[in-house]
Amino acid sequence: MVNGPVQTPAPKAETPATELPQTGDKQGNALAAVGASIVAGMLGLIGFTKKKKDEKDF
């Protein structure tokens, strides 16, 4: 029997998944939401000004 340091095998690093990271995904969603809000606001303003213009005709 040999009394000496006991060697334990090093833990194996987990292999990363083959899926690529989703970079820029959150920023793209936020940008789409801001764009949709701007378009909706512009459509609302156009409809509001048209309604006011129609009321002046009477």
PDB file of N, CA and C in Angstrom:
ATOM      1  N   MET A   1       0.840  -1.172   0.000  1.00  0.00           N
ATOM      2  CA  MET A   1       0.000   0.000   0.000  1.00  0.00           C
ATOM      3  C   MET A   1       0.888   1.238   0.000  1.00  0.00           C
ATOM      4  N   VAL A   2       0.524   2.221  -0.828  1.00  0.00           N
ATOM      5  CA  VAL A   2       1.316   3.433  -0.953  1.00  0.00           C
ATOM      6  C   VAL A   2       0.576   4.573  -0.272  1.00  0.00           C
ATOM      7  N   ASN A   3       1.246   5.217   0.650  1.00  0.00           N
ATOM      8  CA  ASN A   3       0.654   6.387   1.291  1.00  0.00           C
ATOM      9  C   ASN A   3       1.200   7.635   0.612  1.00  0.00           C
ATOM     10  N   GLY A   4       0.373   8.309  -0.111  1.00  0.00           N
ATOM     11  CA  GLY A   4       0.781   9.514  -0.814  1.00  0.00           C
ATOM     12  C   GLY A   4      -0.453  10.321  -1.189  1.00  0.00           C
ATOM     13  N   PRO A   5      -0.236  11.398  -1.902  1.00  0.00           N
ATOM     14  CA  PRO A   5      -1.396  12.208  -2.292  1.00  0.00           C
ATOM     15  C   PRO A   5      -2.321  11.418  -3.208  1.00  0.00           C
ATOM     16  N   VAL A   6      -3.571  11.558  -2.951  1.00  0.00           N
ATOM     17  CA  VAL A   6      -4.569  10.862  -3.747  1.00  0.00           C
ATOM     18  C   VAL A   6      -4.955  11.769  -4.916  1.00  0.00           C
ATOM     19  N   GLN A   7      -4.863  11.225  -6.084  1.00  0.00           N
ATOM     20  CA  GLN A   7      -5.229  12.017  -7.258  1.00  0.00           C
ATOM     21  C   GLN A   7      -6.672  11.730  -7.624  1.00  0.00           C
ATOM     22  N   THR A   8      -7.444  12.799  -7.685  1.00  0.00           N
ATOM     23  CA  THR A   8      -8.833  12.646  -8.116  1.00  0.00           C
ATOM     24  C   THR A   8      -8.948  13.229  -9.512  1.00  0.00           C
ATOM     25  N   PRO A   9      -9.711  12.608 -10.341  1.00  0.00           N
ATOM     26  CA  PRO A   9      -9.841  13.142 -11.706  1.00  0.00           C
ATOM     27  C   PRO A   9     -10.532  14.508 -11.691  1.00  0.00           C
ATOM     28  N   ALA A  10     -10.049  15.393 -12.541  1.00  0.00           N
ATOM     29  CA  ALA A  10     -10.636  16.734 -12.634  1.00  0.00           C
ATOM     30  C   ALA A  10     -12.041  16.620 -13.214  1.00  0.00           C
ATOM     31  N   PRO A  11     -12.966  17.430 -12.688  1.00  0.00           N
ATOM     32  CA  PRO A  11     -14.330  17.370 -13.233  1.00  0.00           C
ATOM     33  C   PRO A  11     -14.335  17.814 -14.699  1.00  0.00           C
ATOM     34  N   LYS A  12     -15.078  17.087 -15.483  1.00  0.00           N
ATOM     35  CA  LYS A  12     -15.151  17.408 -16.909  1.00  0.00           C
ATOM     36  C   LYS A  12     -16.023  18.640 -17.103  1.00  0.00           C
ATOM     37  N   ALA A  13     -15.548  19.532 -17.935  1.00  0.00           N
ATOM     38  CA  ALA A  13     -16.346  20.721 -18.264  1.00  0.00           C
ATOM     39  C   ALA A  13     -17.484  20.286 -19.170  1.00  0.00           C
ATOM     40  N   GLU A  14     -18.644  20.826 -18.901  1.00  0.00           N
ATOM     41  CA  GLU A  14     -19.792  20.485 -19.730  1.00  0.00           C
ATOM     42  C   GLU A  14     -19.594  21.082 -21.114  1.00  0.00           C
ATOM     43  N   THR A  15     -19.922  20.315 -22.104  1.00  0.00           N
ATOM     44  CA  THR A  15     -19.785  20.823 -23.463  1.00  0.00           C
ATOM     45  C   THR A  15     -20.941  21.771 -23.743  1.00  0.00           C
ATOM     46  N   PRO A  16     -20.648  22.918 -24.325  1.00  0.00           N
ATOM     47  CA  PRO A  16     -21.725  23.879 -24.599  1.00  0.00           C
ATOM     48  C   PRO A  16     -22.671  23.332 -25.666  1.00  0.00           C
ATOM     49  N   ALA A  17     -23.889  23.782 -25.593  1.00  0.00           N
ATOM     50  CA  ALA A  17     -24.891  23.350 -26.570  1.00  0.00           C
ATOM     51  C   ALA A  17     -24.520  23.913 -27.942  1.00  0.00           C
ATOM     52  N   THR A  18     -24.988  23.261 -28.966  1.00  0.00           N
ATOM     53  CA  THR A  18     -24.658  23.706 -30.320  1.00  0.00           C
ATOM     54  C   THR A  18     -25.506  24.896 -30.746  1.00  0.00           C
ATOM     55  N   GLU A  19     -26.419  25.339 -29.896  1.00  0.00           N
ATOM     56  CA  GLU A  19     -27.271  26.488 -30.220  1.00  0.00           C
ATOM     57  C   GLU A  19     -26.468  27.776 -30.081  1.00  0.00           C
ATOM     58  N   LEU A  20     -26.621  28.671 -31.017  1.00  0.00           N
ATOM     59  CA  LEU A  20     -25.911  29.941 -30.976  1.00  0.00           C
ATOM     60  C   LEU A  20     -26.616  30.909 -30.040  1.00  0.00           C
ATOM     61  N   PRO A  21     -25.880  31.833 -29.440  1.00  0.00           N
ATOM     62  CA  PRO A  21     -26.508  32.808 -28.548  1.00  0.00           C
ATOM     63  C   PRO A  21     -27.391  33.777 -29.341  1.00  0.00           C
ATOM     64  N   GLN A  22     -28.463  34.203 -28.727  1.00  0.00           N
ATOM     65  CA  GLN A  22     -29.398  35.122 -29.368  1.00  0.00           C
ATOM     66  C   GLN A  22     -28.996  36.554 -29.025  1.00  0.00           C
ATOM     67  N   THR A  23     -28.076  37.100 -29.780  1.00  0.00           N
ATOM     68  CA  THR A  23     -27.605  38.454 -29.507  1.00  0.00           C
ATOM     69  C   THR A  23     -28.488  39.464 -30.213  1.00  0.00           C
ATOM     70  N   GLY A  24     -28.785  40.555 -29.542  1.00  0.00           N
ATOM     71  CA  GLY A  24     -29.570  41.628 -30.142  1.00  0.00           C
ATOM     72  C   GLY A  24     -31.053  41.342 -30.212  1.00  0.00           C
ATOM     73  N   ASP A  25     -31.499  40.243 -29.647  1.00  0.00           N
ATOM     74  CA  ASP A  25     -32.911  39.889 -29.730  1.00  0.00           C
ATOM     75  C   ASP A  25     -33.771  40.855 -28.925  1.00  0.00           C
ATOM     76  N   LYS A  26     -33.346  41.178 -27.724  1.00  0.00           N
ATOM     77  CA  LYS A  26     -34.127  42.076 -26.875  1.00  0.00           C
ATOM     78  C   LYS A  26     -34.167  43.477 -27.469  1.00  0.00           C
ATOM     79  N   GLN A  27     -33.060  43.912 -28.015  1.00  0.00           N
ATOM     80  CA  GLN A  27     -33.022  45.250 -28.594  1.00  0.00           C
ATOM     81  C   GLN A  27     -33.945  45.335 -29.806  1.00  0.00           C
ATOM     82  N   GLY A  28     -33.993  44.292 -30.602  1.00  0.00           N
ATOM     83  CA  GLY A  28     -34.858  44.277 -31.771  1.00  0.00           C
ATOM     84  C   GLY A  28     -36.322  44.342 -31.393  1.00  0.00           C
ATOM     85  N   ASN A  29     -36.701  43.644 -30.322  1.00  0.00           N
ATOM     86  CA  ASN A  29     -38.081  43.678 -29.862  1.00  0.00           C
ATOM     87  C   ASN A  29     -38.452  45.057 -29.345  1.00  0.00           C
ATOM     88  N   ALA A  30     -37.554  45.684 -28.626  1.00  0.00           N
ATOM     89  CA  ALA A  30     -37.827  47.019 -28.097  1.00  0.00           C
ATOM     90  C   ALA A  30     -37.950  48.024 -29.237  1.00  0.00           C
ATOM     91  N   LEU A  31     -37.098  47.893 -30.234  1.00  0.00           N
ATOM     92  CA  LEU A  31     -37.144  48.801 -31.368  1.00  0.00           C
ATOM     93  C   LEU A  31     -38.446  48.632 -32.147  1.00  0.00           C
ATOM     94  N   ALA A  32     -38.912  47.422 -32.296  1.00  0.00           N
ATOM     95  CA  ALA A  32     -40.181  47.164 -32.982  1.00  0.00           C
ATOM     96  C   ALA A  32     -41.346  47.771 -32.203  1.00  0.00           C
ATOM     97  N   ALA A  33     -41.317  47.690 -30.888  1.00  0.00           N
ATOM     98  CA  ALA A  33     -42.385  48.251 -30.059  1.00  0.00           C
ATOM     99  C   ALA A  33     -42.405  49.772 -30.172  1.00  0.00           C
ATOM    100  N   VAL A  34     -41.232  50.392 -30.169  1.00  0.00           N
ATOM    101  CA  VAL A  34     -41.165  51.847 -30.306  1.00  0.00           C
ATOM    102  C   VAL A  34     -41.670  52.270 -31.678  1.00  0.00           C
ATOM    103  N   GLY A  35     -41.288  51.559 -32.712  1.00  0.00           N
ATOM    104  CA  GLY A  35     -41.745  51.872 -34.060  1.00  0.00           C
ATOM    105  C   GLY A  35     -43.252  51.743 -34.196  1.00  0.00           C
ATOM    106  N   ALA A  36     -43.810  50.692 -33.623  1.00  0.00           N
ATOM    107  CA  ALA A  36     -45.260  50.501 -33.674  1.00  0.00           C
ATOM    108  C   ALA A  36     -45.981  51.615 -32.927  1.00  0.00           C
ATOM    109  N   SER A  37     -45.420  52.056 -31.814  1.00  0.00           N
ATOM    110  CA  SER A  37     -46.030  53.152 -31.052  1.00  0.00           C
ATOM    111  C   SER A  37     -46.016  54.450 -31.854  1.00  0.00           C
ATOM    112  N   ILE A  38     -44.917  54.714 -32.538  1.00  0.00           N
ATOM    113  CA  ILE A  38     -44.820  55.932 -33.342  1.00  0.00           C
ATOM    114  C   ILE A  38     -45.841  55.905 -34.474  1.00  0.00           C
ATOM    115  N   VAL A  39     -45.946  54.775 -35.149  1.00  0.00           N
ATOM    116  CA  VAL A  39     -46.904  54.658 -36.258  1.00  0.00           C
ATOM    117  C   VAL A  39     -48.330  54.819 -35.743  1.00  0.00           C
ATOM    118  N   ALA A  40     -48.660  54.193 -34.617  1.00  0.00           N
ATOM    119  CA  ALA A  40     -50.007  54.306 -34.055  1.00  0.00           C
ATOM    120  C   ALA A  40     -50.304  55.747 -33.658  1.00  0.00           C
ATOM    121  N   GLY A  41     -49.326  56.427 -33.081  1.00  0.00           N
ATOM    122  CA  GLY A  41     -49.517  57.832 -32.699  1.00  0.00           C
ATOM    123  C   GLY A  41     -49.736  58.726 -33.903  1.00  0.00           C
ATOM    124  N   MET A  42     -48.986  58.487 -34.960  1.00  0.00           N
ATOM    125  CA  MET A  42     -49.151  59.299 -36.172  1.00  0.00           C
ATOM    126  C   MET A  42     -50.521  59.068 -36.803  1.00  0.00           C
ATOM    127  N   LEU A  43     -50.961  57.814 -36.837  1.00  0.00           N
ATOM    128  CA  LEU A  43     -52.288  57.530 -37.381  1.00  0.00           C
ATOM    129  C   LEU A  43     -53.376  58.190 -36.538  1.00  0.00           C
ATOM    130  N   GLY A  44     -53.201  58.195 -35.236  1.00  0.00           N
ATOM    131  CA  GLY A  44     -54.158  58.857 -34.350  1.00  0.00           C
ATOM    132  C   GLY A  44     -54.212  60.353 -34.589  1.00  0.00           C
ATOM    133  N   LEU A  45     -53.058  60.965 -34.772  1.00  0.00           N
ATOM    134  CA  LEU A  45     -53.026  62.410 -35.033  1.00  0.00           C
ATOM    135  C   LEU A  45     -53.668  62.749 -36.369  1.00  0.00           C
ATOM    136  N   ILE A  46     -53.416  61.934 -37.370  1.00  0.00           N
ATOM    137  CA  ILE A  46     -54.008  62.174 -38.690  1.00  0.00           C
ATOM    138  C   ILE A  46     -55.522  62.060 -38.598  1.00  0.00           C
ATOM    139  N   GLY A  47     -56.022  61.055 -37.900  1.00  0.00           N
ATOM    140  CA  GLY A  47     -57.461  60.888 -37.737  1.00  0.00           C
ATOM    141  C   GLY A  47     -58.070  62.007 -36.934  1.00  0.00           C
ATOM    142  N   PHE A  48     -57.381  62.483 -35.917  1.00  0.00           N
ATOM    143  CA  PHE A  48     -57.888  63.567 -35.075  1.00  0.00           C
ATOM    144  C   PHE A  48     -57.970  64.873 -35.853  1.00  0.00           C
ATOM    145  N   THR A  49     -56.934  65.195 -36.631  1.00  0.00           N
ATOM    146  CA  THR A  49     -56.959  66.440 -37.397  1.00  0.00           C
ATOM    147  C   THR A  49     -58.000  66.375 -38.505  1.00  0.00           C
ATOM    148  N   LYS A  50     -58.196  65.209 -39.094  1.00  0.00           N
ATOM    149  CA  LYS A  50     -59.214  65.073 -40.128  1.00  0.00           C
ATOM    150  C   LYS A  50     -60.599  65.261 -39.519  1.00  0.00           C
ATOM    151  N   LYS A  51     -60.819  64.731 -38.320  1.00  0.00           N
ATOM    152  CA  LYS A  51     -62.114  64.883 -37.651  1.00  0.00           C
ATOM    153  C   LYS A  51     -62.375  66.353 -37.350  1.00  0.00           C
ATOM    154  N   LYS A  52     -61.373  67.077 -36.879  1.00  0.00           N
ATOM    155  CA  LYS A  52     -61.540  68.509 -36.596  1.00  0.00           C
ATOM    156  C   LYS A  52     -61.839  69.271 -37.871  1.00  0.00           C
ATOM    157  N   LYS A  53     -61.189  68.904 -38.967  1.00  0.00           N
ATOM    158  CA  LYS A  53     -61.405  69.583 -40.233  1.00  0.00           C
ATOM    159  C   LYS A  53     -62.830  69.339 -40.730  1.00  0.00           C
ATOM    160  N   ASP A  54     -63.334  68.111 -40.566  1.00  0.00           N
ATOM    161  CA  ASP A  54     -64.702  67.799 -40.962  1.00  0.00           C
ATOM    162  C   ASP A  54     -65.715  68.562 -40.141  1.00  0.00           C
ATOM    163  N   GLU A  55     -65.440  68.785 -38.851  1.00  0.00           N
ATOM    164  CA  GLU A  55     -66.366  69.531 -37.996  1.00  0.00           C
ATOM    165  C   GLU A  55     -66.432  70.992 -38.372  1.00  0.00           C
ATOM    166  N   LYS A  56     -65.369  71.564 -38.898  1.00  0.00           N
ATOM    167  CA  LYS A  56     -65.343  72.967 -39.297  1.00  0.00           C
ATOM    168  C   LYS A  56     -66.198  73.196 -40.545  1.00  0.00           C
ATOM    169  N   ASP A  57     -66.396  72.187 -41.359  1.00  0.00           N
ATOM    170  CA  ASP A  57     -67.172  72.323 -42.594  1.00  0.00           C
ATOM    171  C   ASP A  57     -68.642  72.567 -42.305  1.00  0.00           C
ATOM    172  N   PHE A  58     -69.148  72.182 -41.145  1.00  0.00           N
ATOM    173  CA  PHE A  58     -70.570  72.352 -40.856  1.00  0.00           C
ATOM    174  C   PHE A  58     -70.881  73.732 -40.418  1.00  0.00           C
TER     175      PHE A  58
END
